[in-house]
Amino acid sequence: MKRPHSAAVLLFTCILGSAAPSRSQTVIPLPAPRVEGGRPLMQVLKDRRSTRAFKPDTLPLPILSDLLWAAFGINRPERGLRTAPSAVNWQEIDVYAALPSGLFLYNPKTHGLERVLSEDIRSATGLQPFVGTAPLNLVLVADYSRMARGSAENKDPWAWADAGFISQNVYLFCASEGLGTVVRAMVDRPALSEKMGLRPDQKIILSQTVGYPVE
């Protein structure tokens, strides 16, 4: 579904793109997600696939906004519930966005991006060469401190399952919007965790690359 976004492209390039003029900006608000439209579910399921060749083209700001909301945004504000389920409603998965101008944490409560690093760490989010040039790499991190009632034996499978729900939301959104994506487990987790400044009870589960596919 084509949407006008020329102004948003300029805004996104200025704020988040490789030529960002203000890398000190710590909080970047996103436009409200557009929750109507898109393609029928059965068509999207038919077209869902993994892509491993991406154009470097920047994603328009409205598309990034919609993608993050679809991944794990709040769809029932009165109760703070999300677009993807989580065990015991822990909502333990955090979605980080690695962009050319830095690493950002998606805050679903404000629907905004919070800068974590000004460094371009896209190449550190995976072992495949395409991760360093694709416009966006999501990093799904489980915060085990939010899983207080879970046993040590159960926390890992719950966290992996919850990250999988989010990843599938991204897949379906990308299929609807004509974007390419691929989920990846080939990540140097110790190195990336150190670069991201994660605590010991925060664990990287998966990374997921998003961009326009090479035809």
N, C-alpha and C. Protein backbone atom coordinates (compact mmCIF):
# COMPACT_ATOMS: atom_id res chain seq x y z
N MET A 1 0.84 -1.18 0.00
CA MET A 1 0.00 0.00 0.00
C MET A 1 0.87 1.24 0.00
N LYS A 2 0.85 2.04 -1.05
CA LYS A 2 1.68 3.22 -1.17
C LYS A 2 1.09 4.35 -0.34
N ARG A 3 1.95 5.08 0.37
CA ARG A 3 1.50 6.18 1.18
C ARG A 3 2.40 7.37 0.93
N PRO A 4 1.84 8.60 0.91
CA PRO A 4 2.70 9.77 0.72
C PRO A 4 3.58 10.00 1.93
N HIS A 5 4.88 10.24 1.71
CA HIS A 5 5.75 10.41 2.86
C HIS A 5 6.96 11.27 2.53
N SER A 6 6.86 12.18 1.54
CA SER A 6 8.02 12.96 1.14
C SER A 6 8.56 13.81 2.28
N ALA A 7 7.66 14.45 3.04
CA ALA A 7 8.11 15.26 4.17
C ALA A 7 8.74 14.40 5.25
N ALA A 8 8.15 13.23 5.45
CA ALA A 8 8.67 12.33 6.47
C ALA A 8 10.05 11.80 6.10
N VAL A 9 10.28 11.58 4.81
CA VAL A 9 11.60 11.12 4.37
C VAL A 9 12.66 12.15 4.75
N LEU A 10 12.36 13.44 4.51
CA LEU A 10 13.30 14.49 4.85
C LEU A 10 13.54 14.54 6.35
N LEU A 11 12.45 14.46 7.14
CA LEU A 11 12.58 14.50 8.58
C LEU A 11 13.39 13.33 9.09
N PHE A 12 13.10 12.14 8.57
CA PHE A 12 13.80 10.94 9.01
C PHE A 12 15.28 11.03 8.68
N THR A 13 15.61 11.52 7.47
CA THR A 13 17.00 11.63 7.06
C THR A 13 17.74 12.61 7.95
N CYS A 14 17.07 13.72 8.31
CA CYS A 14 17.72 14.73 9.13
C CYS A 14 17.94 14.24 10.56
N ILE A 15 16.97 13.49 11.10
CA ILE A 15 17.04 13.12 12.50
C ILE A 15 17.76 11.80 12.71
N LEU A 16 17.44 10.79 11.90
CA LEU A 16 17.95 9.44 12.16
C LEU A 16 18.93 8.95 11.12
N GLY A 17 19.01 9.58 9.98
CA GLY A 17 19.84 9.08 8.90
C GLY A 17 21.31 9.31 9.16
N SER A 18 22.13 8.88 8.20
CA SER A 18 23.57 8.94 8.38
C SER A 18 24.09 10.36 8.45
N ALA A 19 23.29 11.33 7.98
CA ALA A 19 23.72 12.72 8.01
C ALA A 19 23.05 13.49 9.13
N ALA A 20 22.73 12.82 10.22
CA ALA A 20 21.99 13.44 11.31
C ALA A 20 22.74 14.65 11.86
N PRO A 21 22.12 15.84 11.92
CA PRO A 21 22.81 17.03 12.38
C PRO A 21 22.93 17.11 13.89
N SER A 22 22.08 16.39 14.62
CA SER A 22 22.07 16.50 16.07
C SER A 22 22.10 15.12 16.70
N ARG A 23 23.29 14.60 16.91
CA ARG A 23 23.41 13.27 17.52
C ARG A 23 23.24 13.33 19.03
N SER A 24 23.07 14.55 19.58
CA SER A 24 22.86 14.66 21.02
C SER A 24 21.39 14.54 21.39
N GLN A 25 20.49 14.54 20.41
CA GLN A 25 19.07 14.42 20.71
C GLN A 25 18.81 13.06 21.33
N THR A 26 18.23 13.07 22.53
CA THR A 26 18.11 11.82 23.28
C THR A 26 16.75 11.15 23.12
N VAL A 27 15.71 11.90 22.84
CA VAL A 27 14.37 11.34 22.68
C VAL A 27 13.80 11.84 21.36
N ILE A 28 13.37 10.92 20.53
CA ILE A 28 12.80 11.27 19.23
C ILE A 28 11.37 10.76 19.17
N PRO A 29 10.38 11.66 19.18
CA PRO A 29 8.99 11.21 19.08
C PRO A 29 8.69 10.66 17.70
N LEU A 30 7.83 9.68 17.64
CA LEU A 30 7.41 9.11 16.36
C LEU A 30 5.99 9.57 16.07
N PRO A 31 5.63 9.69 14.78
CA PRO A 31 4.24 10.01 14.47
C PRO A 31 3.32 8.88 14.93
N ALA A 32 2.07 9.23 15.18
CA ALA A 32 1.11 8.22 15.63
C ALA A 32 1.03 7.10 14.61
N PRO A 33 0.98 5.85 15.06
CA PRO A 33 0.88 4.73 14.11
C PRO A 33 -0.44 4.77 13.37
N ARG A 34 -0.40 4.38 12.11
CA ARG A 34 -1.61 4.32 11.29
C ARG A 34 -2.16 2.90 11.37
N VAL A 35 -3.23 2.75 12.11
CA VAL A 35 -3.71 1.41 12.45
C VAL A 35 -4.80 0.92 11.50
N GLU A 36 -5.08 1.66 10.45
CA GLU A 36 -6.02 1.20 9.44
C GLU A 36 -5.30 1.06 8.11
N GLY A 37 -5.84 0.23 7.25
CA GLY A 37 -5.20 0.02 5.96
C GLY A 37 -4.36 -1.24 5.95
N GLY A 38 -3.41 -1.28 5.03
CA GLY A 38 -2.62 -2.49 4.87
C GLY A 38 -3.34 -3.52 4.02
N ARG A 39 -2.67 -4.62 3.77
CA ARG A 39 -3.21 -5.65 2.89
C ARG A 39 -3.94 -6.72 3.70
N PRO A 40 -4.85 -7.47 3.07
CA PRO A 40 -5.57 -8.54 3.78
C PRO A 40 -4.60 -9.57 4.35
N LEU A 41 -4.97 -10.12 5.50
CA LEU A 41 -4.09 -11.02 6.23
C LEU A 41 -3.68 -12.23 5.39
N MET A 42 -4.60 -12.84 4.69
CA MET A 42 -4.27 -14.05 3.95
C MET A 42 -3.27 -13.75 2.83
N GLN A 43 -3.37 -12.59 2.20
CA GLN A 43 -2.39 -12.21 1.19
C GLN A 43 -1.02 -11.99 1.82
N VAL A 44 -1.01 -11.36 2.98
CA VAL A 44 0.25 -11.11 3.68
C VAL A 44 0.91 -12.42 4.08
N LEU A 45 0.12 -13.36 4.58
CA LEU A 45 0.68 -14.67 4.94
C LEU A 45 1.24 -15.38 3.71
N LYS A 46 0.57 -15.23 2.59
CA LYS A 46 1.05 -15.84 1.35
C LYS A 46 2.40 -15.27 0.92
N ASP A 47 2.60 -13.97 1.16
CA ASP A 47 3.81 -13.29 0.71
C ASP A 47 4.91 -13.22 1.76
N ARG A 48 4.66 -13.72 2.96
CA ARG A 48 5.68 -13.66 4.01
C ARG A 48 6.89 -14.50 3.63
N ARG A 49 8.06 -13.90 3.74
CA ARG A 49 9.30 -14.61 3.39
C ARG A 49 10.49 -13.93 4.05
N SER A 50 11.65 -14.57 3.99
CA SER A 50 12.88 -13.98 4.50
C SER A 50 13.70 -13.41 3.35
N THR A 51 14.31 -12.26 3.59
CA THR A 51 15.10 -11.56 2.59
C THR A 51 16.50 -11.35 3.15
N ARG A 52 17.51 -11.53 2.31
CA ARG A 52 18.89 -11.35 2.78
C ARG A 52 19.70 -10.42 1.88
N ALA A 53 19.02 -9.65 1.05
CA ALA A 53 19.67 -8.64 0.22
C ALA A 53 18.83 -7.37 0.28
N PHE A 54 19.42 -6.29 0.78
CA PHE A 54 18.67 -5.08 1.06
C PHE A 54 19.30 -3.87 0.37
N LYS A 55 18.44 -2.97 -0.07
CA LYS A 55 18.91 -1.66 -0.52
C LYS A 55 19.28 -0.83 0.72
N PRO A 56 20.18 0.14 0.56
CA PRO A 56 20.54 0.97 1.72
C PRO A 56 19.55 2.10 1.99
N ASP A 57 18.49 2.18 1.19
CA ASP A 57 17.54 3.30 1.28
C ASP A 57 16.95 3.43 2.69
N THR A 58 16.91 4.66 3.17
CA THR A 58 16.35 4.95 4.49
C THR A 58 14.86 4.66 4.53
N LEU A 59 14.40 4.11 5.62
CA LEU A 59 12.96 3.90 5.80
C LEU A 59 12.29 5.21 6.18
N PRO A 60 11.18 5.55 5.54
CA PRO A 60 10.45 6.77 5.93
C PRO A 60 10.00 6.70 7.38
N LEU A 61 9.94 7.86 8.02
CA LEU A 61 9.58 7.90 9.44
C LEU A 61 8.22 7.28 9.73
N PRO A 62 7.17 7.53 8.93
CA PRO A 62 5.89 6.88 9.22
C PRO A 62 5.97 5.36 9.15
N ILE A 63 6.78 4.85 8.24
CA ILE A 63 6.93 3.40 8.12
C ILE A 63 7.63 2.85 9.36
N LEU A 64 8.68 3.53 9.81
CA LEU A 64 9.37 3.09 11.02
C LEU A 64 8.42 3.12 12.21
N SER A 65 7.63 4.17 12.30
CA SER A 65 6.66 4.28 13.39
C SER A 65 5.67 3.12 13.38
N ASP A 66 5.10 2.85 12.21
CA ASP A 66 4.13 1.77 12.09
C ASP A 66 4.77 0.42 12.39
N LEU A 67 6.00 0.23 11.92
CA LEU A 67 6.69 -1.05 12.12
C LEU A 67 6.92 -1.32 13.60
N LEU A 68 7.40 -0.32 14.33
CA LEU A 68 7.68 -0.52 15.75
C LEU A 68 6.39 -0.75 16.53
N TRP A 69 5.33 -0.03 16.16
CA TRP A 69 4.05 -0.26 16.83
C TRP A 69 3.55 -1.67 16.54
N ALA A 70 3.64 -2.09 15.27
CA ALA A 70 3.21 -3.44 14.91
C ALA A 70 4.02 -4.48 15.66
N ALA A 71 5.31 -4.23 15.84
CA ALA A 71 6.18 -5.19 16.51
C ALA A 71 5.76 -5.42 17.96
N PHE A 72 5.65 -4.34 18.73
CA PHE A 72 5.35 -4.52 20.15
C PHE A 72 4.81 -3.24 20.78
N GLY A 73 3.97 -2.54 19.99
CA GLY A 73 3.38 -1.32 20.51
C GLY A 73 2.16 -1.60 21.38
N ILE A 74 1.62 -0.55 21.94
CA ILE A 74 0.44 -0.66 22.80
C ILE A 74 -0.82 -0.53 21.94
N ASN A 75 -1.64 -1.58 21.94
CA ASN A 75 -2.88 -1.55 21.14
C ASN A 75 -4.13 -1.43 22.00
N ARG A 76 -3.98 -1.51 23.32
CA ARG A 76 -5.10 -1.32 24.25
C ARG A 76 -4.64 -0.39 25.36
N PRO A 77 -4.65 0.92 25.06
CA PRO A 77 -4.03 1.89 25.98
C PRO A 77 -4.62 1.87 27.39
N GLU A 78 -5.90 1.55 27.49
CA GLU A 78 -6.52 1.58 28.81
C GLU A 78 -5.89 0.57 29.77
N ARG A 79 -5.25 -0.47 29.23
CA ARG A 79 -4.62 -1.49 30.07
C ARG A 79 -3.12 -1.65 29.77
N GLY A 80 -2.62 -0.89 28.83
CA GLY A 80 -1.20 -0.97 28.49
C GLY A 80 -0.81 -2.27 27.82
N LEU A 81 -1.74 -2.94 27.16
CA LEU A 81 -1.47 -4.23 26.52
C LEU A 81 -0.94 -4.03 25.11
N ARG A 82 -0.28 -5.07 24.61
CA ARG A 82 0.56 -4.92 23.42
C ARG A 82 0.03 -5.69 22.21
N THR A 83 0.69 -5.45 21.07
CA THR A 83 0.34 -6.12 19.82
C THR A 83 0.84 -7.55 19.78
N ALA A 84 1.75 -7.93 20.67
CA ALA A 84 2.24 -9.31 20.75
C ALA A 84 2.06 -9.80 22.19
N PRO A 85 1.72 -11.08 22.36
CA PRO A 85 1.55 -11.61 23.71
C PRO A 85 2.88 -11.80 24.42
N SER A 86 2.81 -11.90 25.75
CA SER A 86 3.99 -12.25 26.53
C SER A 86 3.54 -13.06 27.74
N ALA A 87 4.39 -13.96 28.16
CA ALA A 87 4.05 -14.83 29.29
C ALA A 87 3.77 -13.98 30.53
N VAL A 88 2.66 -14.28 31.21
CA VAL A 88 2.25 -13.60 32.43
C VAL A 88 2.15 -12.09 32.22
N ASN A 89 2.06 -11.66 30.96
CA ASN A 89 2.06 -10.23 30.61
C ASN A 89 3.27 -9.51 31.20
N TRP A 90 4.42 -10.20 31.22
CA TRP A 90 5.64 -9.58 31.74
C TRP A 90 6.12 -8.45 30.83
N GLN A 91 5.86 -8.56 29.52
CA GLN A 91 6.34 -7.57 28.56
C GLN A 91 7.85 -7.37 28.75
N GLU A 92 8.54 -8.49 28.82
CA GLU A 92 9.97 -8.45 29.15
C GLU A 92 10.88 -8.16 27.97
N ILE A 93 10.33 -8.18 26.77
CA ILE A 93 11.16 -7.94 25.59
C ILE A 93 11.24 -6.44 25.29
N ASP A 94 12.46 -5.95 25.15
CA ASP A 94 12.69 -4.57 24.69
C ASP A 94 13.15 -4.62 23.24
N VAL A 95 12.66 -3.68 22.45
CA VAL A 95 12.99 -3.60 21.03
C VAL A 95 13.96 -2.43 20.82
N TYR A 96 15.17 -2.76 20.40
CA TYR A 96 16.18 -1.75 20.07
C TYR A 96 16.26 -1.62 18.56
N ALA A 97 16.51 -0.40 18.10
CA ALA A 97 16.63 -0.13 16.66
C ALA A 97 18.03 0.39 16.38
N ALA A 98 18.81 -0.39 15.63
CA ALA A 98 20.14 0.04 15.22
C ALA A 98 20.03 0.71 13.85
N LEU A 99 20.33 1.99 13.81
CA LEU A 99 20.19 2.83 12.63
C LEU A 99 21.54 3.44 12.28
N PRO A 100 21.68 4.05 11.11
CA PRO A 100 22.97 4.65 10.76
C PRO A 100 23.47 5.67 11.77
N SER A 101 22.55 6.39 12.42
CA SER A 101 22.97 7.44 13.35
C SER A 101 23.05 6.97 14.79
N GLY A 102 22.86 5.68 15.05
CA GLY A 102 23.01 5.22 16.41
C GLY A 102 22.05 4.12 16.79
N LEU A 103 22.07 3.78 18.07
CA LEU A 103 21.21 2.75 18.62
C LEU A 103 20.13 3.42 19.47
N PHE A 104 18.88 2.98 19.26
CA PHE A 104 17.74 3.58 19.95
C PHE A 104 16.90 2.48 20.60
N LEU A 105 16.30 2.82 21.75
CA LEU A 105 15.37 1.93 22.42
C LEU A 105 13.96 2.42 22.14
N TYR A 106 13.10 1.52 21.65
CA TYR A 106 11.71 1.88 21.41
C TYR A 106 10.96 1.90 22.74
N ASN A 107 10.31 3.05 23.03
CA ASN A 107 9.50 3.18 24.23
C ASN A 107 8.03 3.14 23.81
N PRO A 108 7.34 2.02 24.02
CA PRO A 108 5.95 1.92 23.56
C PRO A 108 5.00 2.84 24.33
N LYS A 109 5.35 3.21 25.56
CA LYS A 109 4.45 4.06 26.34
C LYS A 109 4.37 5.47 25.76
N THR A 110 5.48 5.96 25.24
CA THR A 110 5.48 7.28 24.62
C THR A 110 5.47 7.20 23.10
N HIS A 111 5.59 6.00 22.58
CA HIS A 111 5.75 5.75 21.14
C HIS A 111 6.86 6.65 20.59
N GLY A 112 8.02 6.48 21.16
CA GLY A 112 9.18 7.26 20.74
C GLY A 112 10.44 6.43 20.81
N LEU A 113 11.52 7.01 20.31
CA LEU A 113 12.83 6.37 20.32
C LEU A 113 13.73 7.10 21.29
N GLU A 114 14.40 6.35 22.15
CA GLU A 114 15.33 6.92 23.12
C GLU A 114 16.75 6.53 22.72
N ARG A 115 17.57 7.52 22.51
CA ARG A 115 18.94 7.24 22.07
C ARG A 115 19.73 6.52 23.15
N VAL A 116 20.38 5.45 22.76
CA VAL A 116 21.26 4.70 23.65
C VAL A 116 22.72 4.97 23.31
N LEU A 117 23.02 4.96 22.01
CA LEU A 117 24.37 5.21 21.51
C LEU A 117 24.29 6.09 20.27
N SER A 118 25.30 6.90 20.07
CA SER A 118 25.40 7.69 18.84
C SER A 118 26.20 6.96 17.77
N GLU A 119 26.81 5.87 18.14
CA GLU A 119 27.65 5.08 17.22
C GLU A 119 26.78 4.20 16.32
N ASP A 120 27.18 4.07 15.08
CA ASP A 120 26.52 3.14 14.15
C ASP A 120 27.03 1.73 14.45
N ILE A 121 26.17 0.91 15.05
CA ILE A 121 26.59 -0.44 15.44
C ILE A 121 25.87 -1.51 14.60
N ARG A 122 25.33 -1.13 13.46
CA ARG A 122 24.57 -2.11 12.67
C ARG A 122 25.40 -3.35 12.37
N SER A 123 26.66 -3.19 12.03
CA SER A 123 27.48 -4.35 11.67
C SER A 123 27.71 -5.28 12.85
N ALA A 124 27.51 -4.78 14.08
CA ALA A 124 27.70 -5.62 15.27
C ALA A 124 26.46 -6.42 15.62
N THR A 125 25.35 -6.18 14.92
CA THR A 125 24.10 -6.86 15.27
C THR A 125 23.97 -8.24 14.64
N GLY A 126 24.98 -8.67 13.91
CA GLY A 126 24.92 -10.00 13.31
C GLY A 126 26.22 -10.33 12.61
N LEU A 127 26.32 -11.56 12.13
CA LEU A 127 27.54 -12.03 11.50
C LEU A 127 27.49 -12.00 9.98
N GLN A 128 26.31 -11.78 9.40
CA GLN A 128 26.20 -11.71 7.95
C GLN A 128 26.58 -10.31 7.47
N PRO A 129 27.19 -10.21 6.28
CA PRO A 129 27.67 -8.91 5.82
C PRO A 129 26.57 -7.89 5.55
N PHE A 130 25.36 -8.32 5.22
CA PHE A 130 24.32 -7.36 4.86
C PHE A 130 23.84 -6.53 6.04
N VAL A 131 24.11 -6.97 7.27
CA VAL A 131 23.57 -6.24 8.42
C VAL A 131 24.18 -4.85 8.56
N GLY A 132 25.38 -4.67 8.05
CA GLY A 132 26.07 -3.40 8.20
C GLY A 132 25.59 -2.32 7.26
N THR A 133 24.88 -2.69 6.19
CA THR A 133 24.43 -1.71 5.21
C THR A 133 22.92 -1.59 5.12
N ALA A 134 22.19 -2.57 5.64
CA ALA A 134 20.73 -2.45 5.67
C ALA A 134 20.34 -1.27 6.56
N PRO A 135 19.23 -0.59 6.26
CA PRO A 135 18.90 0.64 7.00
C PRO A 135 18.51 0.43 8.45
N LEU A 136 18.03 -0.78 8.80
CA LEU A 136 17.53 -0.99 10.15
C LEU A 136 17.80 -2.42 10.61
N ASN A 137 18.34 -2.55 11.81
CA ASN A 137 18.44 -3.84 12.46
C ASN A 137 17.79 -3.73 13.84
N LEU A 138 16.77 -4.54 14.06
CA LEU A 138 16.15 -4.61 15.37
C LEU A 138 16.91 -5.62 16.23
N VAL A 139 17.05 -5.31 17.50
CA VAL A 139 17.64 -6.23 18.46
C VAL A 139 16.62 -6.45 19.57
N LEU A 140 16.21 -7.70 19.75
CA LEU A 140 15.20 -8.04 20.75
C LEU A 140 15.91 -8.54 22.00
N VAL A 141 15.73 -7.82 23.10
CA VAL A 141 16.44 -8.07 24.35
C VAL A 141 15.43 -8.42 25.44
N ALA A 142 15.65 -9.52 26.12
CA ALA A 142 14.80 -9.92 27.23
C ALA A 142 15.38 -9.38 28.53
N ASP A 143 14.54 -8.67 29.27
CA ASP A 143 14.93 -8.17 30.58
C ASP A 143 14.41 -9.15 31.64
N TYR A 144 15.29 -10.02 32.10
CA TYR A 144 14.88 -11.09 33.01
C TYR A 144 14.47 -10.55 34.39
N SER A 145 14.81 -9.30 34.69
CA SER A 145 14.40 -8.75 35.98
C SER A 145 12.89 -8.54 36.05
N ARG A 146 12.21 -8.54 34.90
CA ARG A 146 10.76 -8.39 34.88
C ARG A 146 10.04 -9.73 35.02
N MET A 147 10.79 -10.82 35.05
CA MET A 147 10.19 -12.15 35.09
C MET A 147 10.31 -12.72 36.49
N ALA A 148 9.84 -11.97 37.47
CA ALA A 148 10.09 -12.31 38.87
C ALA A 148 9.49 -13.65 39.27
N ARG A 149 8.33 -14.00 38.72
CA ARG A 149 7.65 -15.24 39.15
C ARG A 149 8.10 -16.45 38.36
N GLY A 150 8.95 -16.28 37.38
CA GLY A 150 9.35 -17.40 36.54
C GLY A 150 10.53 -18.17 37.13
N SER A 151 10.52 -19.47 36.93
CA SER A 151 11.66 -20.27 37.37
C SER A 151 12.79 -20.11 36.36
N ALA A 152 13.99 -20.38 36.81
CA ALA A 152 15.15 -20.28 35.92
C ALA A 152 14.98 -21.20 34.71
N GLU A 153 14.35 -22.34 34.92
CA GLU A 153 14.15 -23.31 33.83
C GLU A 153 13.20 -22.79 32.76
N ASN A 154 12.20 -21.99 33.16
CA ASN A 154 11.18 -21.55 32.23
C ASN A 154 11.46 -20.21 31.57
N LYS A 155 12.34 -19.41 32.16
CA LYS A 155 12.53 -18.06 31.64
C LYS A 155 13.04 -18.05 30.21
N ASP A 156 14.00 -18.90 29.89
CA ASP A 156 14.54 -18.91 28.53
C ASP A 156 13.48 -19.24 27.48
N PRO A 157 12.75 -20.36 27.59
CA PRO A 157 11.75 -20.64 26.55
C PRO A 157 10.66 -19.57 26.46
N TRP A 158 10.27 -19.01 27.59
CA TRP A 158 9.26 -17.94 27.53
C TRP A 158 9.81 -16.72 26.79
N ALA A 159 11.04 -16.35 27.09
CA ALA A 159 11.62 -15.18 26.44
C ALA A 159 11.77 -15.41 24.93
N TRP A 160 12.21 -16.61 24.56
CA TRP A 160 12.35 -16.91 23.13
C TRP A 160 10.99 -16.91 22.43
N ALA A 161 9.99 -17.47 23.08
CA ALA A 161 8.65 -17.49 22.47
C ALA A 161 8.13 -16.07 22.30
N ASP A 162 8.28 -15.25 23.32
CA ASP A 162 7.78 -13.88 23.25
C ASP A 162 8.50 -13.07 22.18
N ALA A 163 9.80 -13.28 22.04
CA ALA A 163 10.54 -12.61 20.98
C ALA A 163 10.07 -13.09 19.60
N GLY A 164 9.73 -14.38 19.52
CA GLY A 164 9.23 -14.92 18.26
C GLY A 164 7.92 -14.29 17.82
N PHE A 165 7.02 -14.01 18.79
CA PHE A 165 5.77 -13.34 18.44
C PHE A 165 6.04 -11.96 17.84
N ILE A 166 6.96 -11.23 18.46
CA ILE A 166 7.30 -9.89 17.97
C ILE A 166 7.91 -9.99 16.57
N SER A 167 8.81 -10.93 16.40
CA SER A 167 9.45 -11.11 15.09
C SER A 167 8.42 -11.41 14.00
N GLN A 168 7.45 -12.24 14.31
CA GLN A 168 6.43 -12.55 13.31
C GLN A 168 5.58 -11.32 13.00
N ASN A 169 5.29 -10.49 13.98
CA ASN A 169 4.59 -9.25 13.70
C ASN A 169 5.36 -8.41 12.69
N VAL A 170 6.69 -8.36 12.87
CA VAL A 170 7.53 -7.61 11.94
C VAL A 170 7.47 -8.22 10.54
N TYR A 171 7.52 -9.54 10.47
CA TYR A 171 7.42 -10.23 9.18
C TYR A 171 6.12 -9.87 8.46
N LEU A 172 5.00 -9.91 9.19
CA LEU A 172 3.72 -9.65 8.55
C LEU A 172 3.60 -8.19 8.13
N PHE A 173 4.10 -7.27 8.97
CA PHE A 173 4.08 -5.87 8.58
C PHE A 173 4.90 -5.65 7.31
N CYS A 174 6.08 -6.24 7.28
CA CYS A 174 6.95 -6.06 6.11
C CYS A 174 6.30 -6.63 4.85
N ALA A 175 5.65 -7.78 4.96
CA ALA A 175 4.96 -8.35 3.79
C ALA A 175 3.85 -7.43 3.32
N SER A 176 3.18 -6.76 4.25
CA SER A 176 2.11 -5.84 3.88
C SER A 176 2.64 -4.58 3.22
N GLU A 177 3.82 -4.13 3.62
CA GLU A 177 4.36 -2.85 3.15
C GLU A 177 5.36 -2.98 2.01
N GLY A 178 5.63 -4.21 1.56
CA GLY A 178 6.61 -4.37 0.50
C GLY A 178 8.04 -4.25 0.97
N LEU A 179 8.27 -4.47 2.25
CA LEU A 179 9.62 -4.45 2.81
C LEU A 179 10.17 -5.87 2.90
N GLY A 180 11.47 -5.97 3.02
CA GLY A 180 12.11 -7.25 3.25
C GLY A 180 12.58 -7.35 4.69
N THR A 181 12.63 -8.56 5.22
CA THR A 181 13.13 -8.76 6.57
C THR A 181 13.65 -10.18 6.74
N VAL A 182 14.51 -10.35 7.71
CA VAL A 182 14.97 -11.69 8.06
C VAL A 182 15.35 -11.67 9.54
N VAL A 183 14.90 -12.70 10.27
CA VAL A 183 15.27 -12.82 11.68
C VAL A 183 16.56 -13.61 11.77
N ARG A 184 17.41 -13.25 12.74
CA ARG A 184 18.74 -13.83 12.79
C ARG A 184 19.11 -14.22 14.22
N ALA A 185 19.66 -15.40 14.36
CA ALA A 185 20.22 -15.84 15.64
C ALA A 185 21.74 -15.83 15.62
N MET A 186 22.34 -15.60 14.43
CA MET A 186 23.79 -15.56 14.31
C MET A 186 24.28 -14.19 14.78
N VAL A 187 24.45 -14.07 16.09
CA VAL A 187 24.86 -12.81 16.72
C VAL A 187 25.96 -13.12 17.73
N ASP A 188 26.99 -12.31 17.75
CA ASP A 188 28.00 -12.41 18.80
C ASP A 188 27.41 -11.72 20.02
N ARG A 189 26.67 -12.48 20.82
CA ARG A 189 25.91 -11.87 21.92
C ARG A 189 26.80 -11.21 22.97
N PRO A 190 27.89 -11.83 23.39
CA PRO A 190 28.73 -11.15 24.40
C PRO A 190 29.26 -9.81 23.89
N ALA A 191 29.74 -9.78 22.66
CA ALA A 191 30.29 -8.53 22.12
C ALA A 191 29.21 -7.47 21.96
N LEU A 192 28.05 -7.87 21.44
CA LEU A 192 26.98 -6.90 21.23
C LEU A 192 26.41 -6.43 22.57
N SER A 193 26.27 -7.33 23.54
CA SER A 193 25.78 -6.93 24.86
C SER A 193 26.69 -5.89 25.49
N GLU A 194 28.00 -6.09 25.36
CA GLU A 194 28.95 -5.12 25.92
C GLU A 194 28.83 -3.78 25.22
N LYS A 195 28.70 -3.81 23.90
CA LYS A 195 28.59 -2.57 23.13
C LYS A 195 27.31 -1.82 23.48
N MET A 196 26.23 -2.56 23.72
CA MET A 196 24.96 -1.94 24.05
C MET A 196 24.87 -1.52 25.51
N GLY A 197 25.82 -1.97 26.34
CA GLY A 197 25.80 -1.63 27.75
C GLY A 197 24.72 -2.34 28.53
N LEU A 198 24.43 -3.58 28.16
CA LEU A 198 23.37 -4.33 28.83
C LEU A 198 23.84 -4.86 30.17
N ARG A 199 22.89 -5.02 31.09
CA ARG A 199 23.16 -5.63 32.38
C ARG A 199 23.24 -7.15 32.23
N PRO A 200 23.77 -7.85 33.24
CA PRO A 200 23.82 -9.32 33.16
C PRO A 200 22.45 -9.97 33.04
N ASP A 201 21.41 -9.32 33.60
CA ASP A 201 20.07 -9.92 33.51
C ASP A 201 19.30 -9.46 32.28
N GLN A 202 19.98 -8.82 31.34
CA GLN A 202 19.40 -8.52 30.03
C GLN A 202 20.09 -9.40 29.00
N LYS A 203 19.29 -10.15 28.23
CA LYS A 203 19.86 -11.10 27.29
C LYS A 203 19.34 -10.84 25.88
N ILE A 204 20.27 -10.79 24.93
CA ILE A 204 19.90 -10.65 23.52
C ILE A 204 19.30 -11.97 23.06
N ILE A 205 18.10 -11.91 22.51
CA ILE A 205 17.44 -13.12 22.02
C ILE A 205 17.65 -13.26 20.51
N LEU A 206 17.25 -12.25 19.76
CA LEU A 206 17.32 -12.30 18.31
C LEU A 206 17.64 -10.91 17.75
N SER A 207 18.13 -10.88 16.53
CA SER A 207 18.19 -9.65 15.75
C SER A 207 17.33 -9.84 14.50
N GLN A 208 16.89 -8.74 13.93
CA GLN A 208 16.05 -8.82 12.73
C GLN A 208 16.34 -7.62 11.84
N THR A 209 16.72 -7.90 10.61
CA THR A 209 17.05 -6.87 9.65
C THR A 209 15.82 -6.48 8.85
N VAL A 210 15.66 -5.18 8.58
CA VAL A 210 14.53 -4.68 7.82
C VAL A 210 15.02 -3.67 6.79
N GLY A 211 14.46 -3.73 5.60
CA GLY A 211 14.80 -2.75 4.56
C GLY A 211 14.05 -3.06 3.29
N TYR A 212 14.32 -2.26 2.26
CA TYR A 212 13.72 -2.53 0.96
C TYR A 212 14.53 -3.64 0.28
N PRO A 213 13.87 -4.67 -0.19
CA PRO A 213 14.61 -5.80 -0.79
C PRO A 213 15.19 -5.43 -2.15
N VAL A 214 16.34 -6.01 -2.43
CA VAL A 214 16.92 -5.89 -3.77
C VAL A 214 16.09 -6.74 -4.72
N GLU A 215 15.61 -6.14 -5.78
CA GLU A 215 14.74 -6.88 -6.71
C GLU A 215 15.55 -7.90 -7.50
